[in-house]
Amino acid sequence: MHRLLILSLNGDPLGELGTEHAGGQCRYILEIGKRLVLQDWAITVVTIQNPGRAPRQEITLDFDVLRVPLRDGAPYSPEACYAQMDGVDADVMETLAKEAVNADVILGCYWLSALLGLRLAARFERRLIVSFASLGAYKRVTGMSPFMSIRLDAERCIARDADHVIATTHDEAAVLRSVYGLDDHKLSIIPRGIDLDVFRPTR
């Protein structure tokens, strides 16, 4: 059996769709995990614990989610998570050891998760695959706040140091090449599918 550790600090795969920080990425992780389990993979998702959620929850056999709280007890926000990254790193390491989680590959979804993934991949000597889900380069058109500058610098480092990056569109791949300097040999384009049992035309 193969073992995949998915880092999704900003999105809980069991989050209620439409609530804050519970959108397409959460659904993507939930659905891809269910399908990988059928291909003999064991999946563990690590996310930030928001109030009222259990520390550990099984989704299906060999597919579970571990929730690590921010140290100040606040709900997830990108700024809070980034500011507490050293604490998140230490607490995730403690949780993985406590739950005896091993991984053959690490998948980081979103830039904050990928930052943590770089640390874990180096420590465990595992490959890190990254799916950005969104890019700071798209958001900078609305203004370059100090935090957005931090994010753009981080995304450049992630593109440089990750073992592989998955783009979901050709446009995203073009930005990863032109803005972040990502080499083609580290880049795959895998469009995200649509579950027609959930989303379908109204006409």
N, C-alpha and C. Protein backbone atom coordinates (compact mmCIF):
# COMPACT_ATOMS: atom_id res chain seq x y z
N MET A 1 0.84 -1.21 0.00
CA MET A 1 0.00 0.00 0.00
C MET A 1 0.87 1.24 0.00
N HIS A 2 0.52 2.22 -0.85
CA HIS A 2 1.21 3.50 -0.88
C HIS A 2 0.55 4.45 0.11
N ARG A 3 1.34 5.38 0.62
CA ARG A 3 0.83 6.30 1.64
C ARG A 3 1.08 7.74 1.20
N LEU A 4 0.01 8.53 1.18
CA LEU A 4 0.07 9.93 0.75
C LEU A 4 -0.34 10.83 1.90
N LEU A 5 0.51 11.80 2.20
CA LEU A 5 0.19 12.83 3.18
C LEU A 5 -0.21 14.09 2.42
N ILE A 6 -1.45 14.53 2.60
CA ILE A 6 -1.94 15.75 1.95
C ILE A 6 -1.97 16.87 2.99
N LEU A 7 -1.29 17.95 2.70
CA LEU A 7 -1.30 19.13 3.56
C LEU A 7 -2.28 20.14 2.96
N SER A 8 -3.31 20.45 3.72
CA SER A 8 -4.34 21.40 3.28
C SER A 8 -4.70 22.27 4.47
N LEU A 9 -3.74 23.09 4.88
CA LEU A 9 -3.93 23.88 6.10
C LEU A 9 -5.14 24.80 5.99
N ASN A 10 -5.41 25.28 4.80
CA ASN A 10 -6.47 26.28 4.63
C ASN A 10 -7.84 25.68 4.33
N GLY A 11 -7.92 24.37 4.08
CA GLY A 11 -9.20 23.79 3.69
C GLY A 11 -9.41 22.39 4.23
N ASP A 12 -10.46 22.21 5.01
CA ASP A 12 -10.81 20.91 5.58
C ASP A 12 -11.64 20.15 4.56
N PRO A 13 -11.23 18.93 4.19
CA PRO A 13 -12.01 18.19 3.18
C PRO A 13 -13.44 17.89 3.61
N LEU A 14 -13.71 17.97 4.92
CA LEU A 14 -15.07 17.74 5.40
C LEU A 14 -15.76 19.05 5.79
N GLY A 15 -15.17 20.17 5.39
CA GLY A 15 -15.80 21.45 5.64
C GLY A 15 -17.08 21.59 4.83
N GLU A 16 -18.03 22.32 5.36
CA GLU A 16 -19.31 22.52 4.69
C GLU A 16 -19.12 23.47 3.51
N LEU A 17 -19.38 22.97 2.31
CA LEU A 17 -19.17 23.77 1.12
C LEU A 17 -19.95 25.08 1.19
N GLY A 18 -19.28 26.14 0.79
CA GLY A 18 -19.90 27.45 0.80
C GLY A 18 -19.59 28.27 2.03
N THR A 19 -19.09 27.62 3.09
CA THR A 19 -18.67 28.37 4.27
C THR A 19 -17.25 28.86 4.03
N GLU A 20 -16.77 29.74 4.91
CA GLU A 20 -15.45 30.33 4.73
C GLU A 20 -14.38 29.25 4.70
N HIS A 21 -13.48 29.33 3.74
CA HIS A 21 -12.36 28.39 3.56
C HIS A 21 -12.85 26.97 3.28
N ALA A 22 -14.02 26.84 2.69
CA ALA A 22 -14.52 25.51 2.32
C ALA A 22 -15.13 25.60 0.93
N GLY A 23 -14.25 25.48 -0.06
CA GLY A 23 -14.70 25.59 -1.44
C GLY A 23 -14.19 24.44 -2.28
N GLY A 24 -13.80 24.77 -3.51
CA GLY A 24 -13.42 23.75 -4.47
C GLY A 24 -12.24 22.89 -4.05
N GLN A 25 -11.26 23.50 -3.36
CA GLN A 25 -10.10 22.72 -2.94
C GLN A 25 -10.51 21.60 -1.98
N CYS A 26 -11.43 21.89 -1.07
CA CYS A 26 -11.88 20.88 -0.11
C CYS A 26 -12.54 19.71 -0.84
N ARG A 27 -13.39 20.05 -1.80
CA ARG A 27 -14.06 19.00 -2.57
C ARG A 27 -13.06 18.20 -3.39
N TYR A 28 -12.07 18.89 -3.96
CA TYR A 28 -11.03 18.24 -4.76
C TYR A 28 -10.28 17.20 -3.92
N ILE A 29 -9.87 17.59 -2.72
CA ILE A 29 -9.13 16.67 -1.86
C ILE A 29 -10.00 15.50 -1.44
N LEU A 30 -11.25 15.77 -1.10
CA LEU A 30 -12.16 14.70 -0.70
C LEU A 30 -12.34 13.68 -1.82
N GLU A 31 -12.58 14.16 -3.03
CA GLU A 31 -12.86 13.25 -4.14
C GLU A 31 -11.61 12.51 -4.61
N ILE A 32 -10.48 13.21 -4.69
CA ILE A 32 -9.27 12.53 -5.13
C ILE A 32 -8.82 11.49 -4.10
N GLY A 33 -9.04 11.79 -2.82
CA GLY A 33 -8.70 10.83 -1.78
C GLY A 33 -9.53 9.57 -1.88
N LYS A 34 -10.83 9.72 -2.09
CA LYS A 34 -11.70 8.55 -2.22
C LYS A 34 -11.27 7.66 -3.38
N ARG A 35 -10.85 8.28 -4.46
CA ARG A 35 -10.46 7.50 -5.64
C ARG A 35 -9.09 6.87 -5.47
N LEU A 36 -8.17 7.55 -4.80
CA LEU A 36 -6.85 6.96 -4.58
C LEU A 36 -6.91 5.78 -3.63
N VAL A 37 -7.82 5.83 -2.66
CA VAL A 37 -7.99 4.69 -1.75
C VAL A 37 -8.34 3.43 -2.54
N LEU A 38 -9.12 3.59 -3.59
CA LEU A 38 -9.49 2.44 -4.43
C LEU A 38 -8.30 1.92 -5.24
N GLN A 39 -7.24 2.75 -5.34
CA GLN A 39 -6.03 2.35 -6.05
C GLN A 39 -4.93 1.93 -5.08
N ASP A 40 -5.32 1.51 -3.88
CA ASP A 40 -4.40 0.97 -2.88
C ASP A 40 -3.49 2.04 -2.27
N TRP A 41 -4.06 3.23 -2.06
CA TRP A 41 -3.37 4.28 -1.34
C TRP A 41 -4.05 4.50 0.02
N ALA A 42 -3.24 4.81 1.02
CA ALA A 42 -3.75 5.27 2.31
C ALA A 42 -3.50 6.77 2.38
N ILE A 43 -4.53 7.53 2.74
CA ILE A 43 -4.48 8.99 2.67
C ILE A 43 -4.67 9.59 4.05
N THR A 44 -3.77 10.50 4.42
CA THR A 44 -3.95 11.30 5.62
C THR A 44 -3.90 12.77 5.22
N VAL A 45 -4.93 13.52 5.60
CA VAL A 45 -4.99 14.95 5.33
C VAL A 45 -4.72 15.69 6.64
N VAL A 46 -3.85 16.69 6.58
CA VAL A 46 -3.60 17.54 7.74
C VAL A 46 -4.12 18.94 7.43
N THR A 47 -4.96 19.46 8.33
CA THR A 47 -5.53 20.79 8.16
C THR A 47 -5.51 21.51 9.51
N ILE A 48 -5.85 22.80 9.49
CA ILE A 48 -5.95 23.55 10.73
C ILE A 48 -7.31 23.27 11.38
N GLN A 49 -7.28 23.04 12.68
CA GLN A 49 -8.51 22.74 13.41
C GLN A 49 -9.25 24.02 13.75
N ASN A 50 -10.47 24.11 13.28
CA ASN A 50 -11.33 25.22 13.65
C ASN A 50 -12.24 24.81 14.81
N PRO A 51 -12.77 25.76 15.55
CA PRO A 51 -13.59 25.43 16.71
C PRO A 51 -14.73 24.48 16.36
N GLY A 52 -14.92 23.49 17.23
CA GLY A 52 -16.02 22.55 17.06
C GLY A 52 -15.70 21.32 16.23
N ARG A 53 -14.48 21.22 15.67
CA ARG A 53 -14.12 20.07 14.87
C ARG A 53 -13.25 19.13 15.67
N ALA A 54 -13.44 17.82 15.48
CA ALA A 54 -12.67 16.81 16.20
C ALA A 54 -11.22 16.83 15.72
N PRO A 55 -10.27 16.46 16.59
CA PRO A 55 -8.86 16.43 16.18
C PRO A 55 -8.58 15.41 15.08
N ARG A 56 -9.32 14.31 15.07
CA ARG A 56 -9.12 13.29 14.05
C ARG A 56 -10.49 12.77 13.62
N GLN A 57 -10.64 12.52 12.33
CA GLN A 57 -11.91 12.02 11.82
C GLN A 57 -11.65 11.12 10.62
N GLU A 58 -12.23 9.94 10.65
CA GLU A 58 -12.11 9.03 9.52
C GLU A 58 -13.11 9.42 8.44
N ILE A 59 -12.65 9.48 7.21
CA ILE A 59 -13.53 9.77 6.08
C ILE A 59 -14.03 8.47 5.48
N THR A 60 -13.11 7.59 5.13
CA THR A 60 -13.41 6.21 4.74
C THR A 60 -12.27 5.36 5.27
N LEU A 61 -12.35 4.07 5.04
CA LEU A 61 -11.24 3.21 5.42
C LEU A 61 -9.97 3.67 4.71
N ASP A 62 -8.89 3.84 5.47
CA ASP A 62 -7.58 4.27 4.96
C ASP A 62 -7.58 5.71 4.45
N PHE A 63 -8.53 6.52 4.91
CA PHE A 63 -8.60 7.92 4.50
C PHE A 63 -9.13 8.72 5.69
N ASP A 64 -8.25 9.51 6.30
CA ASP A 64 -8.68 10.28 7.47
C ASP A 64 -8.08 11.68 7.44
N VAL A 65 -8.61 12.52 8.32
CA VAL A 65 -8.15 13.91 8.43
C VAL A 65 -7.70 14.16 9.86
N LEU A 66 -6.55 14.80 9.99
CA LEU A 66 -6.01 15.21 11.28
C LEU A 66 -6.07 16.74 11.34
N ARG A 67 -6.59 17.27 12.44
CA ARG A 67 -6.75 18.72 12.58
C ARG A 67 -5.85 19.23 13.70
N VAL A 68 -5.01 20.18 13.36
CA VAL A 68 -4.04 20.75 14.31
C VAL A 68 -4.45 22.19 14.58
N PRO A 69 -4.69 22.56 15.84
CA PRO A 69 -5.13 23.94 16.11
C PRO A 69 -3.98 24.93 16.04
N LEU A 70 -4.31 26.17 15.69
CA LEU A 70 -3.34 27.24 15.88
C LEU A 70 -3.14 27.45 17.38
N ARG A 71 -1.96 27.88 17.75
CA ARG A 71 -1.62 27.91 19.18
C ARG A 71 -2.40 28.97 19.96
N ASP A 72 -2.89 29.99 19.28
CA ASP A 72 -3.68 31.00 20.00
C ASP A 72 -5.16 30.65 20.02
N GLY A 73 -5.51 29.47 19.46
CA GLY A 73 -6.89 29.02 19.46
C GLY A 73 -7.79 29.71 18.45
N ALA A 74 -7.21 30.57 17.62
CA ALA A 74 -8.00 31.31 16.65
C ALA A 74 -8.35 30.41 15.46
N PRO A 75 -9.43 30.73 14.76
CA PRO A 75 -9.72 30.00 13.53
C PRO A 75 -8.68 30.31 12.46
N TYR A 76 -8.64 29.48 11.44
CA TYR A 76 -7.67 29.65 10.38
C TYR A 76 -7.82 31.01 9.68
N SER A 77 -6.70 31.64 9.42
CA SER A 77 -6.60 32.73 8.46
C SER A 77 -5.20 32.64 7.88
N PRO A 78 -4.98 33.06 6.62
CA PRO A 78 -3.64 32.96 6.05
C PRO A 78 -2.59 33.70 6.88
N GLU A 79 -2.93 34.90 7.34
CA GLU A 79 -1.97 35.69 8.09
C GLU A 79 -1.60 35.01 9.41
N ALA A 80 -2.60 34.50 10.12
CA ALA A 80 -2.34 33.83 11.40
C ALA A 80 -1.53 32.56 11.20
N CYS A 81 -1.87 31.80 10.17
CA CYS A 81 -1.16 30.56 9.90
C CYS A 81 0.30 30.82 9.56
N TYR A 82 0.54 31.82 8.71
CA TYR A 82 1.91 32.16 8.33
C TYR A 82 2.70 32.63 9.55
N ALA A 83 2.10 33.49 10.38
CA ALA A 83 2.79 34.01 11.55
C ALA A 83 3.15 32.91 12.53
N GLN A 84 2.36 31.84 12.55
CA GLN A 84 2.59 30.74 13.50
C GLN A 84 3.21 29.51 12.83
N MET A 85 3.85 29.68 11.67
CA MET A 85 4.30 28.53 10.91
C MET A 85 5.26 27.62 11.69
N ASP A 86 6.15 28.21 12.49
CA ASP A 86 7.05 27.37 13.29
C ASP A 86 6.26 26.52 14.27
N GLY A 87 5.26 27.10 14.90
CA GLY A 87 4.42 26.34 15.82
C GLY A 87 3.59 25.30 15.10
N VAL A 88 3.04 25.65 13.93
CA VAL A 88 2.29 24.69 13.13
C VAL A 88 3.18 23.52 12.75
N ASP A 89 4.39 23.81 12.32
CA ASP A 89 5.37 22.78 11.95
C ASP A 89 5.59 21.82 13.13
N ALA A 90 5.89 22.37 14.30
CA ALA A 90 6.16 21.53 15.47
C ALA A 90 4.94 20.71 15.86
N ASP A 91 3.76 21.32 15.82
CA ASP A 91 2.54 20.62 16.23
C ASP A 91 2.14 19.55 15.22
N VAL A 92 2.36 19.81 13.93
CA VAL A 92 2.08 18.78 12.93
C VAL A 92 3.03 17.61 13.11
N MET A 93 4.30 17.89 13.34
CA MET A 93 5.27 16.81 13.58
C MET A 93 4.86 15.96 14.77
N GLU A 94 4.44 16.62 15.85
CA GLU A 94 4.00 15.89 17.05
C GLU A 94 2.77 15.05 16.75
N THR A 95 1.84 15.59 16.00
CA THR A 95 0.61 14.86 15.66
C THR A 95 0.90 13.67 14.77
N LEU A 96 1.77 13.85 13.77
CA LEU A 96 2.12 12.74 12.88
C LEU A 96 2.80 11.61 13.65
N ALA A 97 3.66 11.98 14.60
CA ALA A 97 4.32 10.96 15.41
C ALA A 97 3.32 10.25 16.31
N LYS A 98 2.44 11.00 16.93
CA LYS A 98 1.43 10.42 17.83
C LYS A 98 0.51 9.46 17.09
N GLU A 99 0.13 9.83 15.86
CA GLU A 99 -0.78 9.01 15.07
C GLU A 99 -0.05 7.97 14.21
N ALA A 100 1.27 7.92 14.34
CA ALA A 100 2.11 6.95 13.59
C ALA A 100 1.85 7.04 12.09
N VAL A 101 1.83 8.27 11.58
CA VAL A 101 1.58 8.49 10.16
C VAL A 101 2.90 8.44 9.39
N ASN A 102 2.95 7.60 8.39
CA ASN A 102 4.09 7.54 7.48
C ASN A 102 3.61 7.95 6.10
N ALA A 103 4.51 8.44 5.27
CA ALA A 103 4.12 8.87 3.93
C ALA A 103 5.22 8.52 2.94
N ASP A 104 4.80 8.08 1.77
CA ASP A 104 5.74 7.88 0.67
C ASP A 104 5.89 9.16 -0.15
N VAL A 105 4.81 9.94 -0.21
CA VAL A 105 4.78 11.18 -0.99
C VAL A 105 3.98 12.21 -0.20
N ILE A 106 4.36 13.48 -0.34
CA ILE A 106 3.64 14.58 0.30
C ILE A 106 3.06 15.47 -0.79
N LEU A 107 1.78 15.81 -0.64
CA LEU A 107 1.10 16.73 -1.55
C LEU A 107 0.71 17.97 -0.77
N GLY A 108 1.22 19.13 -1.20
CA GLY A 108 0.86 20.39 -0.58
C GLY A 108 -0.13 21.14 -1.43
N CYS A 109 -1.31 21.42 -0.89
CA CYS A 109 -2.34 22.16 -1.61
C CYS A 109 -2.42 23.57 -1.05
N TYR A 110 -2.12 24.56 -1.87
CA TYR A 110 -2.08 25.97 -1.50
C TYR A 110 -0.68 26.31 -0.99
N TRP A 111 -0.31 27.58 -1.08
CA TRP A 111 1.07 27.97 -0.81
C TRP A 111 1.49 27.76 0.64
N LEU A 112 0.60 28.02 1.61
CA LEU A 112 0.97 27.81 3.01
C LEU A 112 1.23 26.33 3.30
N SER A 113 0.41 25.47 2.73
CA SER A 113 0.62 24.04 2.90
C SER A 113 1.92 23.61 2.25
N ALA A 114 2.21 24.19 1.09
CA ALA A 114 3.46 23.84 0.40
C ALA A 114 4.68 24.30 1.18
N LEU A 115 4.59 25.46 1.85
CA LEU A 115 5.70 25.90 2.71
C LEU A 115 5.98 24.88 3.80
N LEU A 116 4.92 24.42 4.46
CA LEU A 116 5.09 23.37 5.45
C LEU A 116 5.61 22.10 4.79
N GLY A 117 5.11 21.80 3.60
CA GLY A 117 5.54 20.61 2.88
C GLY A 117 7.03 20.61 2.59
N LEU A 118 7.60 21.77 2.27
CA LEU A 118 9.05 21.84 2.04
C LEU A 118 9.82 21.40 3.28
N ARG A 119 9.35 21.81 4.44
CA ARG A 119 10.02 21.44 5.68
C ARG A 119 9.91 19.93 5.94
N LEU A 120 8.68 19.41 5.79
CA LEU A 120 8.46 17.99 6.06
C LEU A 120 9.18 17.11 5.04
N ALA A 121 9.17 17.52 3.78
CA ALA A 121 9.83 16.73 2.74
C ALA A 121 11.32 16.62 3.00
N ALA A 122 11.93 17.72 3.42
CA ALA A 122 13.36 17.70 3.73
C ALA A 122 13.64 16.83 4.95
N ARG A 123 12.77 16.92 5.94
CA ARG A 123 12.99 16.17 7.18
C ARG A 123 12.81 14.67 6.97
N PHE A 124 11.79 14.29 6.21
CA PHE A 124 11.48 12.88 6.01
C PHE A 124 12.13 12.30 4.75
N GLU A 125 12.80 13.18 3.97
CA GLU A 125 13.40 12.77 2.70
C GLU A 125 12.36 12.13 1.79
N ARG A 126 11.30 12.89 1.56
CA ARG A 126 10.20 12.46 0.70
C ARG A 126 10.00 13.49 -0.41
N ARG A 127 9.41 13.05 -1.49
CA ARG A 127 9.10 13.94 -2.60
C ARG A 127 7.91 14.83 -2.24
N LEU A 128 7.98 16.09 -2.66
CA LEU A 128 6.89 17.04 -2.45
C LEU A 128 6.29 17.42 -3.79
N ILE A 129 5.00 17.16 -3.93
CA ILE A 129 4.23 17.61 -5.08
C ILE A 129 3.34 18.75 -4.61
N VAL A 130 3.20 19.76 -5.43
CA VAL A 130 2.43 20.95 -5.04
C VAL A 130 1.33 21.23 -6.06
N SER A 131 0.15 21.52 -5.54
CA SER A 131 -0.95 22.09 -6.34
C SER A 131 -1.33 23.40 -5.68
N PHE A 132 -1.07 24.51 -6.34
CA PHE A 132 -1.24 25.81 -5.68
C PHE A 132 -2.69 26.16 -5.40
N ALA A 133 -3.62 25.65 -6.17
CA ALA A 133 -5.05 25.95 -6.02
C ALA A 133 -5.37 27.38 -6.45
N SER A 134 -4.57 28.34 -6.04
CA SER A 134 -4.65 29.71 -6.55
C SER A 134 -3.24 30.29 -6.45
N LEU A 135 -3.00 31.35 -7.20
CA LEU A 135 -1.67 31.95 -7.23
C LEU A 135 -1.73 33.41 -6.82
N GLY A 136 -0.73 33.83 -6.07
CA GLY A 136 -0.64 35.23 -5.70
C GLY A 136 -0.51 36.14 -6.91
N ALA A 137 0.09 35.62 -7.99
CA ALA A 137 0.26 36.43 -9.19
C ALA A 137 -1.08 36.87 -9.76
N TYR A 138 -2.13 36.08 -9.57
CA TYR A 138 -3.46 36.48 -10.03
C TYR A 138 -4.07 37.56 -9.13
N LYS A 139 -3.72 37.52 -7.87
CA LYS A 139 -4.35 38.42 -6.91
C LYS A 139 -3.65 39.76 -6.79
N ARG A 140 -2.41 39.85 -7.25
CA ARG A 140 -1.66 41.09 -7.05
C ARG A 140 -2.24 42.26 -7.84
N VAL A 141 -3.08 41.96 -8.83
CA VAL A 141 -3.69 43.05 -9.60
C VAL A 141 -4.60 43.91 -8.73
N THR A 142 -5.04 43.37 -7.60
CA THR A 142 -5.90 44.14 -6.70
C THR A 142 -5.09 44.97 -5.70
N GLY A 143 -3.76 44.88 -5.79
CA GLY A 143 -2.92 45.65 -4.88
C GLY A 143 -1.85 44.79 -4.25
N MET A 144 -0.68 45.40 -4.03
CA MET A 144 0.44 44.67 -3.47
C MET A 144 0.60 45.01 -1.99
N SER A 145 -0.14 44.32 -1.15
CA SER A 145 0.02 44.50 0.29
C SER A 145 1.32 43.83 0.73
N PRO A 146 1.84 44.19 1.91
CA PRO A 146 3.05 43.51 2.40
C PRO A 146 2.87 42.00 2.47
N PHE A 147 1.68 41.54 2.86
CA PHE A 147 1.47 40.09 2.96
C PHE A 147 1.46 39.45 1.58
N MET A 148 0.94 40.14 0.57
CA MET A 148 0.95 39.59 -0.78
C MET A 148 2.38 39.48 -1.29
N SER A 149 3.24 40.41 -0.93
CA SER A 149 4.65 40.31 -1.32
C SER A 149 5.30 39.09 -0.68
N ILE A 150 4.96 38.82 0.58
CA ILE A 150 5.46 37.62 1.25
C ILE A 150 4.99 36.37 0.51
N ARG A 151 3.72 36.37 0.13
CA ARG A 151 3.17 35.21 -0.56
C ARG A 151 3.86 34.98 -1.90
N LEU A 152 4.05 36.03 -2.68
CA LEU A 152 4.69 35.88 -3.99
C LEU A 152 6.11 35.34 -3.84
N ASP A 153 6.86 35.86 -2.88
CA ASP A 153 8.22 35.36 -2.64
C ASP A 153 8.19 33.89 -2.24
N ALA A 154 7.23 33.53 -1.39
CA ALA A 154 7.11 32.14 -0.95
C ALA A 154 6.77 31.23 -2.11
N GLU A 155 5.86 31.67 -2.98
CA GLU A 155 5.47 30.85 -4.12
C GLU A 155 6.64 30.63 -5.08
N ARG A 156 7.49 31.64 -5.24
CA ARG A 156 8.68 31.46 -6.07
C ARG A 156 9.61 30.41 -5.48
N CYS A 157 9.80 30.45 -4.16
CA CYS A 157 10.64 29.45 -3.49
C CYS A 157 10.05 28.06 -3.64
N ILE A 158 8.73 27.96 -3.49
CA ILE A 158 8.06 26.66 -3.62
C ILE A 158 8.24 26.11 -5.03
N ALA A 159 8.03 26.96 -6.04
CA ALA A 159 8.20 26.52 -7.43
C ALA A 159 9.62 26.05 -7.69
N ARG A 160 10.58 26.70 -7.06
CA ARG A 160 11.99 26.33 -7.23
C ARG A 160 12.33 25.02 -6.52
N ASP A 161 11.80 24.81 -5.31
CA ASP A 161 12.29 23.72 -4.47
C ASP A 161 11.40 22.49 -4.45
N ALA A 162 10.14 22.59 -4.84
CA ALA A 162 9.27 21.40 -4.86
C ALA A 162 9.77 20.44 -5.93
N ASP A 163 9.46 19.17 -5.74
CA ASP A 163 9.86 18.17 -6.73
C ASP A 163 9.01 18.24 -7.98
N HIS A 164 7.73 18.58 -7.82
CA HIS A 164 6.85 18.65 -8.98
C HIS A 164 5.67 19.56 -8.64
N VAL A 165 5.15 20.23 -9.66
CA VAL A 165 4.01 21.13 -9.49
C VAL A 165 2.92 20.72 -10.47
N ILE A 166 1.70 20.65 -9.96
CA ILE A 166 0.53 20.35 -10.80
C ILE A 166 -0.22 21.65 -11.05
N ALA A 167 -0.33 22.03 -12.32
CA ALA A 167 -1.19 23.14 -12.72
C ALA A 167 -2.53 22.57 -13.16
N THR A 168 -3.58 23.33 -12.94
CA THR A 168 -4.91 22.82 -13.30
C THR A 168 -5.41 23.37 -14.64
N THR A 169 -4.73 24.38 -15.18
CA THR A 169 -5.09 24.93 -16.48
C THR A 169 -3.81 25.31 -17.22
N HIS A 170 -3.93 25.48 -18.54
CA HIS A 170 -2.80 25.94 -19.34
C HIS A 170 -2.43 27.37 -18.97
N ASP A 171 -3.40 28.19 -18.61
CA ASP A 171 -3.10 29.56 -18.18
C ASP A 171 -2.28 29.56 -16.90
N GLU A 172 -2.65 28.71 -15.95
CA GLU A 172 -1.87 28.63 -14.71
C GLU A 172 -0.46 28.17 -15.00
N ALA A 173 -0.31 27.19 -15.88
CA ALA A 173 1.03 26.70 -16.25
C ALA A 173 1.86 27.82 -16.86
N ALA A 174 1.24 28.65 -17.69
CA ALA A 174 1.96 29.75 -18.32
C ALA A 174 2.46 30.75 -17.28
N VAL A 175 1.63 31.03 -16.27
CA VAL A 175 2.05 31.94 -15.20
C VAL A 175 3.17 31.31 -14.37
N LEU A 176 3.06 30.03 -14.10
CA LEU A 176 4.11 29.36 -13.34
C LEU A 176 5.45 29.42 -14.07
N ARG A 177 5.41 29.36 -15.39
CA ARG A 177 6.65 29.46 -16.17
C ARG A 177 7.16 30.90 -16.20
N SER A 178 6.27 31.83 -16.52
CA SER A 178 6.73 33.20 -16.79
C SER A 178 7.00 34.01 -15.53
N VAL A 179 6.16 33.86 -14.52
CA VAL A 179 6.30 34.67 -13.31
C VAL A 179 7.17 33.98 -12.26
N TYR A 180 7.04 32.67 -12.15
CA TYR A 180 7.73 31.94 -11.10
C TYR A 180 8.95 31.18 -11.59
N GLY A 181 9.17 31.16 -12.90
CA GLY A 181 10.37 30.51 -13.44
C GLY A 181 10.38 29.01 -13.33
N LEU A 182 9.20 28.39 -13.31
CA LEU A 182 9.13 26.94 -13.16
C LEU A 182 9.55 26.26 -14.46
N ASP A 183 10.42 25.25 -14.34
CA ASP A 183 10.89 24.49 -15.49
C ASP A 183 9.82 23.49 -15.93
N ASP A 184 9.73 23.26 -17.23
CA ASP A 184 8.72 22.35 -17.77
C ASP A 184 8.86 20.93 -17.23
N HIS A 185 10.08 20.50 -16.94
CA HIS A 185 10.25 19.11 -16.49
C HIS A 185 9.68 18.88 -15.09
N LYS A 186 9.37 19.97 -14.38
CA LYS A 186 8.76 19.85 -13.05
C LYS A 186 7.28 20.19 -13.06
N LEU A 187 6.69 20.28 -14.24
CA LEU A 187 5.32 20.78 -14.36
C LEU A 187 4.43 19.81 -15.11
N SER A 188 3.26 19.53 -14.53
CA SER A 188 2.22 18.76 -15.21
C SER A 188 0.93 19.57 -15.19
N ILE A 189 0.13 19.41 -16.23
CA ILE A 189 -1.18 20.06 -16.29
C ILE A 189 -2.24 18.97 -16.15
N ILE A 190 -2.97 19.01 -15.04
CA ILE A 190 -4.02 18.02 -14.76
C ILE A 190 -5.29 18.80 -14.41
N PRO A 191 -6.19 18.97 -15.36
CA PRO A 191 -7.42 19.72 -15.06
C PRO A 191 -8.23 19.05 -13.95
N ARG A 192 -8.87 19.87 -13.15
CA ARG A 192 -9.76 19.33 -12.12
C ARG A 192 -11.11 19.02 -12.74
N GLY A 193 -11.59 17.83 -12.47
CA GLY A 193 -12.84 17.40 -13.07
C GLY A 193 -14.05 18.01 -12.38
N ILE A 194 -15.20 17.72 -12.92
CA ILE A 194 -16.48 18.18 -12.37
C ILE A 194 -17.32 16.96 -12.03
N ASP A 195 -17.79 16.88 -10.80
CA ASP A 195 -18.67 15.80 -10.38
C ASP A 195 -20.08 16.15 -10.85
N LEU A 196 -20.53 15.46 -11.90
CA LEU A 196 -21.83 15.79 -12.49
C LEU A 196 -23.01 15.35 -11.62
N ASP A 197 -22.73 14.60 -10.56
CA ASP A 197 -23.79 14.28 -9.59
C ASP A 197 -24.03 15.46 -8.64
N VAL A 198 -23.07 16.38 -8.59
CA VAL A 198 -23.19 17.55 -7.71
C VAL A 198 -23.44 18.82 -8.52
N PHE A 199 -22.68 18.99 -9.61
CA PHE A 199 -22.79 20.17 -10.44
C PHE A 199 -23.28 19.77 -11.82
N ARG A 200 -24.34 20.39 -12.28
CA ARG A 200 -24.87 20.06 -13.59
C ARG A 200 -25.61 21.27 -14.16
N PRO A 201 -25.71 21.33 -15.48
CA PRO A 201 -26.40 22.48 -16.09
C PRO A 201 -27.85 22.55 -15.61
N THR A 202 -28.37 23.75 -15.49
CA THR A 202 -29.76 23.92 -15.08
C THR A 202 -30.71 23.87 -16.25
N ARG A 203 -30.16 23.90 -17.46
CA ARG A 203 -31.00 23.84 -18.66
C ARG A 203 -30.61 22.64 -19.51
